[in-house]
Amino acid sequence: MINRKNILVFCARLAEVYPIGTVKYAPGTFASFIAVIIGFNLITSLGILNYFFITCIIIFAGYFLCEIHISLYNKKDPKEIVIDEFGGQFIVLFATIQSENIFYNFMSLTLSFLLFRFFDISKLGPIKKFESLPGGLGIMADDVIAGLCAFLVQCAILTSLNQKMLIKLI
């Protein structure tokens, strides 16, 4: 029989992107790596607009899933919650280059991963302030801002190298 507790545990597992959030070492980094692989496959197979909607759903649903996880386990920012890494990493992938050359795609994806992890771990500038927001909002917001910072830096790097990106800045 399905009861309220089972539904809450299921939602908490979704916040962990179970089993990814339960890995012993560096679950956030592992989640970001998996997000790059999944995100790149989604963006290339579904197109940029559908990918945008999926990213928005992950970010907004992530907030509620984080709130459920926090209330269920009574932890402020548990390391096993990794849906925020998916949201932030998916944002950076909008700056992935558009190329038939697999080497350029690989380098672009690597740059996306490294830039996001740099901003997510270092919490430079406003990122640290967003992390201090209460509950699920703080968990998701710092990664979204880290993703946006990494996106802007990657756009600048790729533009300076005359690469075509999947999304163009106005």
Protein backbone atom coordinates (compact mmCIF):
# COMPACT_ATOMS: atom_id res chain seq x y z
CA MET A 1 0.00 0.00 0.00
CA ILE A 2 1.30 3.46 -0.92
CA ASN A 3 1.33 5.88 1.96
CA ARG A 4 2.53 9.44 2.48
CA LYS A 5 5.90 8.34 3.93
CA ASN A 6 6.66 6.18 0.87
CA ILE A 7 5.88 9.08 -1.47
CA LEU A 8 8.14 11.42 0.53
CA VAL A 9 10.99 8.89 0.46
CA PHE A 10 10.52 8.46 -3.30
CA CYS A 11 10.71 12.26 -3.77
CA ALA A 12 13.80 12.42 -1.56
CA ARG A 13 15.43 9.77 -3.76
CA LEU A 14 14.60 11.88 -6.82
CA ALA A 15 16.47 14.80 -5.18
CA GLU A 16 19.43 12.43 -4.84
CA VAL A 17 19.00 11.31 -8.47
CA TYR A 18 19.29 7.93 -6.82
CA PRO A 19 21.74 6.17 -6.85
CA ILE A 20 24.06 8.96 -8.03
CA GLY A 21 23.84 11.00 -4.83
CA THR A 22 24.74 8.01 -2.72
CA VAL A 23 28.22 7.42 -4.17
CA LYS A 24 30.85 7.49 -1.46
CA TYR A 25 33.29 10.05 -2.88
CA ALA A 26 32.46 13.38 -4.59
CA PRO A 27 28.79 12.76 -5.38
CA GLY A 28 28.43 16.31 -6.77
CA THR A 29 31.30 15.87 -9.20
CA PHE A 30 30.02 12.45 -10.25
CA ALA A 31 26.53 13.91 -10.76
CA SER A 32 27.95 16.74 -12.89
CA PHE A 33 29.80 14.21 -15.04
CA ILE A 34 26.65 12.13 -15.55
CA ALA A 35 24.69 15.35 -16.24
CA VAL A 36 27.11 16.27 -19.05
CA ILE A 37 26.57 12.92 -20.72
CA ILE A 38 22.78 12.94 -20.31
CA GLY A 39 22.48 16.64 -21.14
CA PHE A 40 24.52 16.43 -24.32
CA ASN A 41 22.46 13.47 -25.53
CA LEU A 42 19.23 15.31 -24.72
CA ILE A 43 20.25 18.56 -26.37
CA THR A 44 21.40 16.84 -29.56
CA SER A 45 18.44 14.46 -29.84
CA LEU A 46 15.56 16.69 -28.65
CA GLY A 47 16.71 20.11 -29.80
CA ILE A 48 17.43 23.30 -27.93
CA LEU A 49 13.83 24.30 -27.13
CA ASN A 50 12.85 20.94 -25.62
CA TYR A 51 16.15 20.90 -23.74
CA PHE A 52 15.32 24.35 -22.34
CA PHE A 53 11.98 23.06 -21.01
CA ILE A 54 13.61 19.99 -19.47
CA THR A 55 16.20 22.21 -17.77
CA CYS A 56 13.46 24.45 -16.35
CA ILE A 57 11.54 21.43 -15.08
CA ILE A 58 14.63 20.03 -13.38
CA ILE A 59 15.35 23.37 -11.69
CA PHE A 60 11.79 24.02 -10.50
CA ALA A 61 11.05 20.42 -9.51
CA GLY A 62 14.48 20.28 -7.86
CA TYR A 63 13.48 23.03 -5.47
CA PHE A 64 10.43 21.09 -4.26
CA LEU A 65 12.32 17.80 -4.12
CA CYS A 66 15.04 19.46 -2.04
CA GLU A 67 12.42 20.85 0.35
CA ILE A 68 10.96 17.37 0.78
CA HIS A 69 14.43 15.86 1.34
CA ILE A 70 15.30 18.50 3.94
CA SER A 71 12.04 18.03 5.83
CA LEU A 72 12.29 14.24 5.73
CA TYR A 73 15.93 13.92 6.86
CA ASN A 74 16.26 17.22 8.75
CA LYS A 75 19.61 18.17 7.16
CA LYS A 76 20.37 21.69 5.89
CA ASP A 77 22.33 20.91 2.68
CA PRO A 78 23.01 17.17 2.47
CA LYS A 79 25.73 16.08 0.07
CA GLU A 80 23.50 13.33 -1.30
CA ILE A 81 21.19 15.88 -2.93
CA VAL A 82 22.60 16.22 -6.46
CA ILE A 83 19.63 17.35 -8.52
CA ASP A 84 21.07 20.86 -8.14
CA GLU A 85 24.20 19.75 -10.00
CA PHE A 86 22.02 18.53 -12.85
CA GLY A 87 20.24 21.87 -13.04
CA GLY A 88 23.46 23.90 -12.99
CA GLN A 89 25.33 21.65 -15.38
CA PHE A 90 22.43 21.61 -17.83
CA ILE A 91 22.59 25.42 -17.95
CA VAL A 92 26.27 25.39 -18.95
CA LEU A 93 25.57 22.92 -21.73
CA PHE A 94 23.64 25.62 -23.59
CA ALA A 95 27.09 26.97 -24.50
CA THR A 96 28.21 23.69 -26.07
CA ILE A 97 29.66 24.21 -29.51
CA GLN A 98 27.92 23.06 -32.65
CA SER A 99 30.42 21.01 -34.61
CA GLU A 100 30.65 17.88 -36.68
CA ASN A 101 34.14 17.42 -35.26
CA ILE A 102 33.97 15.07 -32.27
CA PHE A 103 37.17 16.55 -30.81
CA TYR A 104 35.61 20.04 -30.60
CA ASN A 105 32.49 18.62 -29.01
CA PHE A 106 34.56 16.69 -26.47
CA MET A 107 36.64 19.77 -25.62
CA SER A 108 33.49 21.89 -25.28
CA LEU A 109 31.87 19.35 -22.97
CA THR A 110 35.04 19.09 -20.91
CA LEU A 111 35.17 22.87 -20.61
CA SER A 112 31.49 22.91 -19.54
CA PHE A 113 32.19 20.34 -16.84
CA LEU A 114 35.36 22.01 -15.53
CA LEU A 115 33.91 25.52 -15.49
CA PHE A 116 30.77 24.43 -13.69
CA ARG A 117 32.71 22.47 -11.08
CA PHE A 118 35.07 25.44 -10.58
CA PHE A 119 32.24 27.89 -9.92
CA ASP A 120 30.20 25.38 -7.90
CA ILE A 121 33.08 24.47 -5.60
CA SER A 122 34.72 27.91 -5.29
CA LYS A 123 31.44 29.79 -4.73
CA LEU A 124 32.94 32.99 -6.16
CA GLY A 125 31.12 36.33 -6.03
CA PRO A 126 27.36 36.17 -5.65
CA ILE A 127 27.23 32.37 -5.69
CA LYS A 128 28.03 32.17 -1.95
CA LYS A 129 25.17 34.59 -1.15
CA PHE A 130 22.68 32.47 -3.05
CA GLU A 131 23.81 29.39 -1.15
CA SER A 132 22.74 31.06 2.11
CA LEU A 133 19.10 31.32 0.98
CA PRO A 134 16.83 29.10 3.07
CA GLY A 135 16.07 25.46 2.32
CA GLY A 136 15.71 24.09 -1.18
CA LEU A 137 15.97 27.57 -2.66
CA GLY A 138 19.56 27.92 -1.43
CA ILE A 139 20.46 24.39 -2.52
CA MET A 140 19.23 25.01 -6.07
CA ALA A 141 20.05 28.72 -6.45
CA ASP A 142 23.81 28.53 -5.90
CA ASP A 143 24.14 25.85 -8.59
CA VAL A 144 21.93 27.76 -11.01
CA ILE A 145 24.09 30.87 -10.53
CA ALA A 146 27.28 28.78 -10.82
CA GLY A 147 25.85 27.35 -14.05
CA LEU A 148 25.11 30.83 -15.38
CA CYS A 149 28.62 32.05 -14.50
CA ALA A 150 30.18 29.02 -16.19
CA PHE A 151 27.88 29.55 -19.20
CA LEU A 152 29.03 33.16 -19.61
CA VAL A 153 32.72 32.26 -19.29
CA GLN A 154 32.35 29.39 -21.76
CA CYS A 155 30.53 31.67 -24.22
CA ALA A 156 33.37 34.17 -23.96
CA ILE A 157 36.01 31.50 -24.50
CA LEU A 158 34.24 29.86 -27.45
CA THR A 159 33.42 33.21 -29.04
CA SER A 160 37.07 34.23 -28.82
CA LEU A 161 37.92 30.98 -30.64
CA ASN A 162 35.30 31.70 -33.36
CA GLN A 163 33.26 28.60 -32.51
CA LYS A 164 29.53 28.35 -33.23
CA MET A 165 27.53 27.65 -30.12
CA LEU A 166 24.19 25.87 -29.91
CA ILE A 167 22.65 29.03 -28.48
CA LYS A 168 23.65 32.46 -29.63
CA LEU A 169 23.91 35.51 -27.43
CA ILE A 170 22.21 38.64 -28.69
